């Protein structure tokens, strides 16, 4: 029997021609990573425990250091009861803007959600969603992490791609030092380098002026927020140490000042 090769990114057998060529300006991994890190809310689809039908609900979303979605869920919610029965789920993360909503990119993350009481996940979620501090301490709330099985990106007409987890998630191998230093590094940058943080957002990420702060960092980039606005600044190279972080932050600040 002849082995059938797996479909290439951007193809769906029987629907999109196998040799279909993606637009040259479409970089699926970069778009997927940005949506994953910068989108604050999405549609969670779970399997209804009564009927088995897909059950959609709106949830706030953050990410673990590797980019895996992290949710703060109440045990009183229907979607949590569904997950306790069947952890399989998907989360739709969609960009918004003017015009046709379907003209903006969106990312579907498929996997299984499991409860994870790691305090780092809780801290990262609250950094991304500070208003959640109002209810996060209630006894029925807990953190859940998605074990990602696959990604599907739709960037508009002729801009679709199926992506494996290892293509989109951040590689944390050898980055223990950076992960351990994240909390203190964020506090230092926000307190002592506010001007640079503003430049990262406004010059490098094209955001409007505002009280920008770093809310997360990982080997591949910085997460920024100002109120309800979010931005993602990718590093020019993968970073694994505190020294490497200091170097790349200075490089980015110098680039932003030169452009500004």
C-alpha atoms as a PDB file:
ATOM      1  CA  UNK A   1       0.000   0.000   0.000  1.00  0.00           C
ATOM      2  CA  UNK A   2       1.313   3.431  -0.930  1.00  0.00           C
ATOM      3  CA  UNK A   3       1.762   5.761   2.020  1.00  0.00           C
ATOM      4  CA  UNK A   4      -0.440   8.824   1.822  1.00  0.00           C
ATOM      5  CA  UNK A   5       1.482  11.967   2.831  1.00  0.00           C
ATOM      6  CA  UNK A   6      -0.139  14.236   5.401  1.00  0.00           C
ATOM      7  CA  UNK A   7      -1.873  17.337   4.017  1.00  0.00           C
ATOM      8  CA  UNK A   8       0.354  20.389   3.771  1.00  0.00           C
ATOM      9  CA  UNK A   9      -0.559  23.512   5.759  1.00  0.00           C
ATOM     10  CA  UNK A  10      -3.391  25.304   4.033  1.00  0.00           C
ATOM     11  CA  UNK A  11      -5.006  22.249   2.445  1.00  0.00           C
ATOM     12  CA  UNK A  12      -8.135  20.276   3.238  1.00  0.00           C
ATOM     13  CA  UNK A  13      -8.362  17.087   1.149  1.00  0.00           C
ATOM     14  CA  UNK A  14     -11.330  17.188  -1.202  1.00  0.00           C
ATOM     15  CA  UNK A  15     -11.920  20.899  -0.599  1.00  0.00           C
ATOM     16  CA  UNK A  16      -8.745  22.823  -1.353  1.00  0.00           C
ATOM     17  CA  UNK A  17      -6.484  21.642  -4.204  1.00  0.00           C
ATOM     18  CA  UNK A  18      -3.455  19.845  -2.817  1.00  0.00           C
ATOM     19  CA  UNK A  19      -1.064  22.015  -4.811  1.00  0.00           C
ATOM     20  CA  UNK A  20      -2.762  25.279  -3.866  1.00  0.00           C
ATOM     21  CA  UNK A  21      -0.163  27.975  -3.271  1.00  0.00           C
ATOM     22  CA  UNK A  22      -0.505  30.286  -0.295  1.00  0.00           C
ATOM     23  CA  UNK A  23      -0.060  34.039  -0.895  1.00  0.00           C
ATOM     24  CA  UNK A  24       3.581  35.066  -0.529  1.00  0.00           C
ATOM     25  CA  UNK A  25       2.737  37.708   2.074  1.00  0.00           C
ATOM     26  CA  UNK A  26       0.875  35.189   4.263  1.00  0.00           C
ATOM     27  CA  UNK A  27       3.048  33.836   7.086  1.00  0.00           C
ATOM     28  CA  UNK A  28       0.730  31.458   8.975  1.00  0.00           C
ATOM     29  CA  UNK A  29       2.962  30.782  11.985  1.00  0.00           C
ATOM     30  CA  UNK A  30       3.549  34.476  12.694  1.00  0.00           C
ATOM     31  CA  UNK A  31      -0.167  35.295  12.404  1.00  0.00           C
ATOM     32  CA  UNK A  32      -1.143  32.342  14.590  1.00  0.00           C
ATOM     33  CA  UNK A  33       1.370  33.240  17.282  1.00  0.00           C
ATOM     34  CA  UNK A  34       0.171  36.837  17.370  1.00  0.00           C
ATOM     35  CA  UNK A  35      -3.491  35.860  17.706  1.00  0.00           C
ATOM     36  CA  UNK A  36      -2.672  33.305  20.382  1.00  0.00           C
ATOM     37  CA  UNK A  37      -0.737  35.756  22.554  1.00  0.00           C
ATOM     38  CA  UNK A  38      -2.584  39.027  21.933  1.00  0.00           C
ATOM     39  CA  UNK A  39      -6.255  37.986  21.961  1.00  0.00           C
ATOM     40  CA  UNK A  40      -7.862  38.494  25.388  1.00  0.00           C
ATOM     41  CA  UNK A  41     -11.186  36.699  24.893  1.00  0.00           C
ATOM     42  CA  UNK A  42     -12.534  33.906  22.732  1.00  0.00           C
ATOM     43  CA  UNK A  43     -15.323  31.435  22.144  1.00  0.00           C
ATOM     44  CA  UNK A  44     -14.904  28.229  24.115  1.00  0.00           C
ATOM     45  CA  UNK A  45     -16.669  25.214  22.605  1.00  0.00           C
ATOM     46  CA  UNK A  46     -17.251  22.233  24.880  1.00  0.00           C
ATOM     47  CA  UNK A  47     -19.308  19.070  24.444  1.00  0.00           C
ATOM     48  CA  UNK A  48     -22.646  19.495  26.178  1.00  0.00           C
ATOM     49  CA  UNK A  49     -22.943  16.828  28.859  1.00  0.00           C
ATOM     50  CA  UNK A  50     -26.666  16.356  28.228  1.00  0.00           C
ATOM     51  CA  UNK A  51     -26.965  16.263  24.443  1.00  0.00           C
ATOM     52  CA  UNK A  52     -23.391  15.969  23.130  1.00  0.00           C
ATOM     53  CA  UNK A  53     -23.842  19.050  20.957  1.00  0.00           C
ATOM     54  CA  UNK A  54     -21.152  21.751  20.764  1.00  0.00           C
ATOM     55  CA  UNK A  55     -21.751  24.325  23.501  1.00  0.00           C
ATOM     56  CA  UNK A  56     -20.282  27.801  22.848  1.00  0.00           C
ATOM     57  CA  UNK A  57     -19.466  30.330  25.562  1.00  0.00           C
ATOM     58  CA  UNK A  58     -17.407  33.498  25.858  1.00  0.00           C
ATOM     59  CA  UNK A  59     -14.299  33.279  28.048  1.00  0.00           C
ATOM     60  CA  UNK A  60     -11.269  35.396  28.894  1.00  0.00           C
ATOM     61  CA  UNK A  61      -8.050  33.816  27.669  1.00  0.00           C
ATOM     62  CA  UNK A  62      -4.418  34.104  28.706  1.00  0.00           C
ATOM     63  CA  UNK A  63      -1.435  31.882  27.898  1.00  0.00           C
ATOM     64  CA  UNK A  64       1.142  29.799  29.694  1.00  0.00           C
ATOM     65  CA  UNK A  65       4.799  30.537  28.995  1.00  0.00           C
ATOM     66  CA  UNK A  66       4.719  28.213  25.988  1.00  0.00           C
ATOM     67  CA  UNK A  67       1.535  29.780  24.600  1.00  0.00           C
ATOM     68  CA  UNK A  68      -0.943  27.118  25.740  1.00  0.00           C
ATOM     69  CA  UNK A  69      -4.310  28.786  26.462  1.00  0.00           C
ATOM     70  CA  UNK A  70      -5.087  29.357  30.143  1.00  0.00           C
ATOM     71  CA  UNK A  71      -8.610  29.980  31.440  1.00  0.00           C
ATOM     72  CA  UNK A  72     -10.029  30.948  34.825  1.00  0.00           C
ATOM     73  CA  UNK A  73     -13.307  29.062  35.153  1.00  0.00           C
ATOM     74  CA  UNK A  74     -16.066  28.853  37.733  1.00  0.00           C
ATOM     75  CA  UNK A  75     -17.252  25.407  38.734  1.00  0.00           C
ATOM     76  CA  UNK A  76     -20.777  26.846  38.633  1.00  0.00           C
ATOM     77  CA  UNK A  77     -20.556  27.462  34.869  1.00  0.00           C
ATOM     78  CA  UNK A  78     -22.073  25.061  32.344  1.00  0.00           C
ATOM     79  CA  UNK A  79     -18.867  24.895  30.302  1.00  0.00           C
ATOM     80  CA  UNK A  80     -16.937  23.762  33.396  1.00  0.00           C
ATOM     81  CA  UNK A  81     -19.451  21.005  34.091  1.00  0.00           C
ATOM     82  CA  UNK A  82     -19.049  19.927  30.472  1.00  0.00           C
ATOM     83  CA  UNK A  83     -15.252  19.872  30.788  1.00  0.00           C
ATOM     84  CA  UNK A  84     -15.388  17.800  33.954  1.00  0.00           C
ATOM     85  CA  UNK A  85     -17.246  15.198  31.886  1.00  0.00           C
ATOM     86  CA  UNK A  86     -15.224  15.548  28.656  1.00  0.00           C
ATOM     87  CA  UNK A  87     -12.127  17.755  28.476  1.00  0.00           C
ATOM     88  CA  UNK A  88     -12.046  17.952  24.686  1.00  0.00           C
ATOM     89  CA  UNK A  89     -12.654  21.516  23.528  1.00  0.00           C
ATOM     90  CA  UNK A  90     -11.730  24.254  21.100  1.00  0.00           C
ATOM     91  CA  UNK A  91     -11.195  27.991  21.506  1.00  0.00           C
ATOM     92  CA  UNK A  92     -11.808  30.470  18.692  1.00  0.00           C
ATOM     93  CA  UNK A  93      -9.608  33.575  18.894  1.00  0.00           C
ATOM     94  CA  UNK A  94     -10.673  36.259  16.420  1.00  0.00           C
ATOM     95  CA  UNK A  95      -9.225  39.634  15.520  1.00  0.00           C
ATOM     96  CA  UNK A  96     -11.734  42.457  15.274  1.00  0.00           C
ATOM     97  CA  UNK A  97     -11.856  45.678  13.271  1.00  0.00           C
ATOM     98  CA  UNK A  98     -13.771  47.669  10.723  1.00  0.00           C
ATOM     99  CA  UNK A  99     -15.581  46.126   7.787  1.00  0.00           C
ATOM    100  CA  UNK A 100     -16.499  42.502   7.197  1.00  0.00           C
ATOM    101  CA  UNK A 101     -15.657  40.444  10.319  1.00  0.00           C
ATOM    102  CA  UNK A 102     -14.664  37.551   8.057  1.00  0.00           C
ATOM    103  CA  UNK A 103     -11.924  39.674   6.523  1.00  0.00           C
ATOM    104  CA  UNK A 104      -9.988  39.572   9.803  1.00  0.00           C
ATOM    105  CA  UNK A 105      -7.842  36.597  10.868  1.00  0.00           C
ATOM    106  CA  UNK A 106      -9.008  34.037  13.412  1.00  0.00           C
ATOM    107  CA  UNK A 107      -7.380  31.050  15.043  1.00  0.00           C
ATOM    108  CA  UNK A 108      -9.049  27.877  16.289  1.00  0.00           C
ATOM    109  CA  UNK A 109      -7.124  26.036  19.005  1.00  0.00           C
ATOM    110  CA  UNK A 110      -8.097  22.390  19.518  1.00  0.00           C
ATOM    111  CA  UNK A 111      -7.136  20.252  22.485  1.00  0.00           C
ATOM    112  CA  UNK A 112      -8.117  19.069  25.950  1.00  0.00           C
ATOM    113  CA  UNK A 113      -8.594  21.353  28.938  1.00  0.00           C
ATOM    114  CA  UNK A 114      -7.336  20.148  32.315  1.00  0.00           C
ATOM    115  CA  UNK A 115      -7.448  21.818  35.702  1.00  0.00           C
ATOM    116  CA  UNK A 116      -3.977  23.048  36.676  1.00  0.00           C
ATOM    117  CA  UNK A 117      -3.349  24.772  40.007  1.00  0.00           C
ATOM    118  CA  UNK A 118       0.177  25.925  39.114  1.00  0.00           C
ATOM    119  CA  UNK A 119       0.395  29.423  40.680  1.00  0.00           C
ATOM    120  CA  UNK A 120       2.406  30.650  37.691  1.00  0.00           C
ATOM    121  CA  UNK A 121      -0.586  30.070  35.415  1.00  0.00           C
ATOM    122  CA  UNK A 122      -2.824  31.995  37.789  1.00  0.00           C
ATOM    123  CA  UNK A 123      -0.327  34.864  37.945  1.00  0.00           C
ATOM    124  CA  UNK A 124      -0.035  35.037  34.169  1.00  0.00           C
ATOM    125  CA  UNK A 125      -3.816  35.031  33.784  1.00  0.00           C
ATOM    126  CA  UNK A 126      -4.286  37.861  36.299  1.00  0.00           C
ATOM    127  CA  UNK A 127      -1.473  39.851  34.706  1.00  0.00           C
ATOM    128  CA  UNK A 128      -3.361  39.618  31.423  1.00  0.00           C
ATOM    129  CA  UNK A 129      -6.756  40.218  33.066  1.00  0.00           C
ATOM    130  CA  UNK A 130      -6.208  42.351  36.206  1.00  0.00           C
ATOM    131  CA  UNK A 131      -9.948  42.955  36.692  1.00  0.00           C
ATOM    132  CA  UNK A 132     -10.346  39.229  37.331  1.00  0.00           C
ATOM    133  CA  UNK A 133      -8.745  39.841  40.743  1.00  0.00           C
ATOM    134  CA  UNK A 134     -12.274  40.787  41.872  1.00  0.00           C
ATOM    135  CA  UNK A 135     -13.476  37.189  41.683  1.00  0.00           C
ATOM    136  CA  UNK A 136     -10.396  34.996  41.218  1.00  0.00           C
ATOM    137  CA  UNK A 137     -10.158  34.258  44.944  1.00  0.00           C
ATOM    138  CA  UNK A 138     -13.702  32.883  45.150  1.00  0.00           C
ATOM    139  CA  UNK A 139     -13.640  29.157  46.015  1.00  0.00           C
ATOM    140  CA  UNK A 140     -15.442  28.037  42.852  1.00  0.00           C
ATOM    141  CA  UNK A 141     -12.805  29.490  40.482  1.00  0.00           C
ATOM    142  CA  UNK A 142      -9.788  27.525  39.268  1.00  0.00           C
ATOM    143  CA  UNK A 143      -7.258  27.705  36.441  1.00  0.00           C
ATOM    144  CA  UNK A 144      -7.442  25.395  33.448  1.00  0.00           C
ATOM    145  CA  UNK A 145      -4.775  24.813  30.819  1.00  0.00           C
ATOM    146  CA  UNK A 146      -5.306  23.503  27.315  1.00  0.00           C
ATOM    147  CA  UNK A 147      -3.148  20.621  26.120  1.00  0.00           C
ATOM    148  CA  UNK A 148      -3.027  21.687  22.480  1.00  0.00           C
ATOM    149  CA  UNK A 149      -3.632  19.066  19.778  1.00  0.00           C
ATOM    150  CA  UNK A 150      -3.749  21.302  16.695  1.00  0.00           C
ATOM    151  CA  UNK A 151      -4.315  24.809  15.344  1.00  0.00           C
ATOM    152  CA  UNK A 152      -6.387  25.963  12.391  1.00  0.00           C
ATOM    153  CA  UNK A 153      -5.772  29.474  11.090  1.00  0.00           C
ATOM    154  CA  UNK A 154      -8.101  31.353   8.769  1.00  0.00           C
ATOM    155  CA  UNK A 155      -6.568  34.599   7.633  1.00  0.00           C
ATOM    156  CA  UNK A 156      -9.193  35.417   5.011  1.00  0.00           C
ATOM    157  CA  UNK A 157      -9.800  34.233   1.454  1.00  0.00           C
ATOM    158  CA  UNK A 158      -7.148  31.689   0.331  1.00  0.00           C
ATOM    159  CA  UNK A 159      -5.304  32.185   3.629  1.00  0.00           C
ATOM    160  CA  UNK A 160      -5.971  29.033   5.623  1.00  0.00           C
ATOM    161  CA  UNK A 161      -3.473  26.765   7.335  1.00  0.00           C
ATOM    162  CA  UNK A 162      -3.512  23.730   9.621  1.00  0.00           C
ATOM    163  CA  UNK A 163      -0.616  23.998  12.062  1.00  0.00           C
ATOM    164  CA  UNK A 164       0.918  21.522  14.495  1.00  0.00           C
ATOM    165  CA  UNK A 165       1.436  22.541  18.140  1.00  0.00           C
ATOM    166  CA  UNK A 166       5.219  22.588  17.812  1.00  0.00           C
ATOM    167  CA  UNK A 167       4.980  25.106  14.968  1.00  0.00           C
ATOM    168  CA  UNK A 168       3.083  27.691  17.032  1.00  0.00           C
ATOM    169  CA  UNK A 169       3.870  27.099  20.699  1.00  0.00           C
ATOM    170  CA  UNK A 170       7.082  28.488  22.178  1.00  0.00           C
ATOM    171  CA  UNK A 171       9.901  26.031  22.780  1.00  0.00           C
ATOM    172  CA  UNK A 172      10.772  26.205  26.497  1.00  0.00           C
ATOM    173  CA  UNK A 173      13.689  23.776  26.361  1.00  0.00           C
ATOM    174  CA  UNK A 174      16.731  25.371  27.968  1.00  0.00           C
ATOM    175  CA  UNK A 175      14.696  28.437  28.999  1.00  0.00           C
ATOM    176  CA  UNK A 176      14.225  27.629  32.695  1.00  0.00           C
ATOM    177  CA  UNK A 177      16.201  30.716  33.734  1.00  0.00           C
ATOM    178  CA  UNK A 178      14.048  33.038  31.661  1.00  0.00           C
ATOM    179  CA  UNK A 179      10.795  31.470  32.846  1.00  0.00           C
ATOM    180  CA  UNK A 180      11.891  31.746  36.483  1.00  0.00           C
ATOM    181  CA  UNK A 181      12.897  35.390  36.029  1.00  0.00           C
ATOM    182  CA  UNK A 182       9.702  36.441  34.251  1.00  0.00           C
ATOM    183  CA  UNK A 183       7.810  37.924  37.208  1.00  0.00           C
ATOM    184  CA  UNK A 184      10.712  40.000  38.526  1.00  0.00           C
ATOM    185  CA  UNK A 185      11.755  41.059  35.013  1.00  0.00           C
ATOM    186  CA  UNK A 186       8.243  42.327  34.227  1.00  0.00           C
ATOM    187  CA  UNK A 187       8.084  44.291  37.480  1.00  0.00           C
ATOM    188  CA  UNK A 188      11.495  45.855  36.790  1.00  0.00           C
ATOM    189  CA  UNK A 189      10.737  46.806  33.197  1.00  0.00           C
ATOM    190  CA  UNK A 190       7.352  48.315  34.046  1.00  0.00           C
ATOM    191  CA  UNK A 191       8.696  50.282  36.994  1.00  0.00           C
ATOM    192  CA  UNK A 192      12.075  51.459  35.709  1.00  0.00           C
ATOM    193  CA  UNK A 193      11.699  51.448  31.919  1.00  0.00           C
ATOM    194  CA  UNK A 194       8.178  52.729  31.293  1.00  0.00           C
ATOM    195  CA  UNK A 195       9.374  54.956  28.447  1.00  0.00           C
ATOM    196  CA  UNK A 196      10.858  51.959  26.628  1.00  0.00           C
ATOM    197  CA  UNK A 197       7.672  49.938  27.141  1.00  0.00           C
ATOM    198  CA  UNK A 198       5.650  52.746  25.565  1.00  0.00           C
ATOM    199  CA  UNK A 199       8.030  52.769  22.596  1.00  0.00           C
ATOM    200  CA  UNK A 200       7.695  49.002  22.169  1.00  0.00           C
ATOM    201  CA  UNK A 201       3.935  49.407  21.907  1.00  0.00           C
ATOM    202  CA  UNK A 202       3.584  52.621  19.918  1.00  0.00           C
ATOM    203  CA  UNK A 203       6.567  52.411  17.568  1.00  0.00           C
ATOM    204  CA  UNK A 204       7.273  48.710  17.147  1.00  0.00           C
ATOM    205  CA  UNK A 205       3.680  47.456  17.448  1.00  0.00           C
ATOM    206  CA  UNK A 206       1.901  50.489  15.957  1.00  0.00           C
ATOM    207  CA  UNK A 207      -0.370  51.006  18.964  1.00  0.00           C
ATOM    208  CA  UNK A 208      -1.901  54.305  20.096  1.00  0.00           C
ATOM    209  CA  UNK A 209      -0.421  56.110  23.066  1.00  0.00           C
ATOM    210  CA  UNK A 210      -1.537  54.847  26.466  1.00  0.00           C
ATOM    211  CA  UNK A 211      -0.434  53.493  29.842  1.00  0.00           C
ATOM    212  CA  UNK A 212       1.317  50.496  28.308  1.00  0.00           C
ATOM    213  CA  UNK A 213       2.703  47.739  30.516  1.00  0.00           C
ATOM    214  CA  UNK A 214       4.360  44.401  29.924  1.00  0.00           C
ATOM    215  CA  UNK A 215       1.992  41.626  31.008  1.00  0.00           C
ATOM    216  CA  UNK A 216       4.026  38.599  29.977  1.00  0.00           C
ATOM    217  CA  UNK A 217       7.227  37.452  28.320  1.00  0.00           C
ATOM    218  CA  UNK A 218       8.556  34.217  26.893  1.00  0.00           C
ATOM    219  CA  UNK A 219      11.424  33.083  24.673  1.00  0.00           C
ATOM    220  CA  UNK A 220       9.729  34.499  21.575  1.00  0.00           C
ATOM    221  CA  UNK A 221       8.418  37.911  22.634  1.00  0.00           C
ATOM    222  CA  UNK A 222       6.620  40.366  24.902  1.00  0.00           C
ATOM    223  CA  UNK A 223       2.919  40.730  25.680  1.00  0.00           C
ATOM    224  CA  UNK A 224       1.776  44.329  26.253  1.00  0.00           C
ATOM    225  CA  UNK A 225      -1.483  45.839  27.464  1.00  0.00           C
ATOM    226  CA  UNK A 226      -3.014  49.276  28.073  1.00  0.00           C
ATOM    227  CA  UNK A 227      -6.516  48.949  29.438  1.00  0.00           C
ATOM    228  CA  UNK A 228      -8.444  46.781  26.972  1.00  0.00           C
ATOM    229  CA  UNK A 229      -5.803  47.136  24.238  1.00  0.00           C
ATOM    230  CA  UNK A 230      -3.164  44.451  23.720  1.00  0.00           C
ATOM    231  CA  UNK A 231      -0.113  44.101  21.519  1.00  0.00           C
ATOM    232  CA  UNK A 232       2.569  41.483  20.897  1.00  0.00           C
ATOM    233  CA  UNK A 233       6.200  42.330  20.112  1.00  0.00           C
ATOM    234  CA  UNK A 234       8.215  39.419  18.746  1.00  0.00           C
ATOM    235  CA  UNK A 235      11.893  39.103  19.599  1.00  0.00           C
ATOM    236  CA  UNK A 236      14.320  39.046  16.655  1.00  0.00           C
ATOM    237  CA  UNK A 237      15.766  35.822  18.090  1.00  0.00           C
ATOM    238  CA  UNK A 238      14.826  33.182  20.660  1.00  0.00           C
ATOM    239  CA  UNK A 239      15.810  34.180  24.218  1.00  0.00           C
ATOM    240  CA  UNK A 240      16.477  31.716  27.059  1.00  0.00           C
ATOM    241  CA  UNK A 241      18.343  33.666  29.770  1.00  0.00           C
ATOM    242  CA  UNK A 242      17.957  36.838  31.826  1.00  0.00           C
ATOM    243  CA  UNK A 243      21.102  38.258  30.226  1.00  0.00           C
ATOM    244  CA  UNK A 244      19.705  37.562  26.783  1.00  0.00           C
ATOM    245  CA  UNK A 245      16.465  39.287  27.771  1.00  0.00           C
ATOM    246  CA  UNK A 246      18.278  42.437  28.917  1.00  0.00           C
ATOM    247  CA  UNK A 247      20.202  42.516  25.648  1.00  0.00           C
ATOM    248  CA  UNK A 248      17.178  42.100  23.396  1.00  0.00           C
ATOM    249  CA  UNK A 249      15.103  44.661  25.325  1.00  0.00           C
ATOM    250  CA  UNK A 250      17.867  47.231  24.891  1.00  0.00           C
ATOM    251  CA  UNK A 251      18.122  46.386  21.189  1.00  0.00           C
ATOM    252  CA  UNK A 252      14.374  46.814  20.733  1.00  0.00           C
ATOM    253  CA  UNK A 253      14.392  50.111  22.640  1.00  0.00           C
ATOM    254  CA  UNK A 254      17.249  51.426  20.485  1.00  0.00           C
ATOM    255  CA  UNK A 255      15.399  50.403  17.322  1.00  0.00           C
ATOM    256  CA  UNK A 256      12.211  52.090  18.511  1.00  0.00           C
ATOM    257  CA  UNK A 257      14.030  55.334  19.402  1.00  0.00           C
ATOM    258  CA  UNK A 258      15.721  55.344  15.992  1.00  0.00           C
ATOM    259  CA  UNK A 259      12.385  54.923  14.226  1.00  0.00           C
ATOM    260  CA  UNK A 260      10.587  57.397  16.473  1.00  0.00           C
END
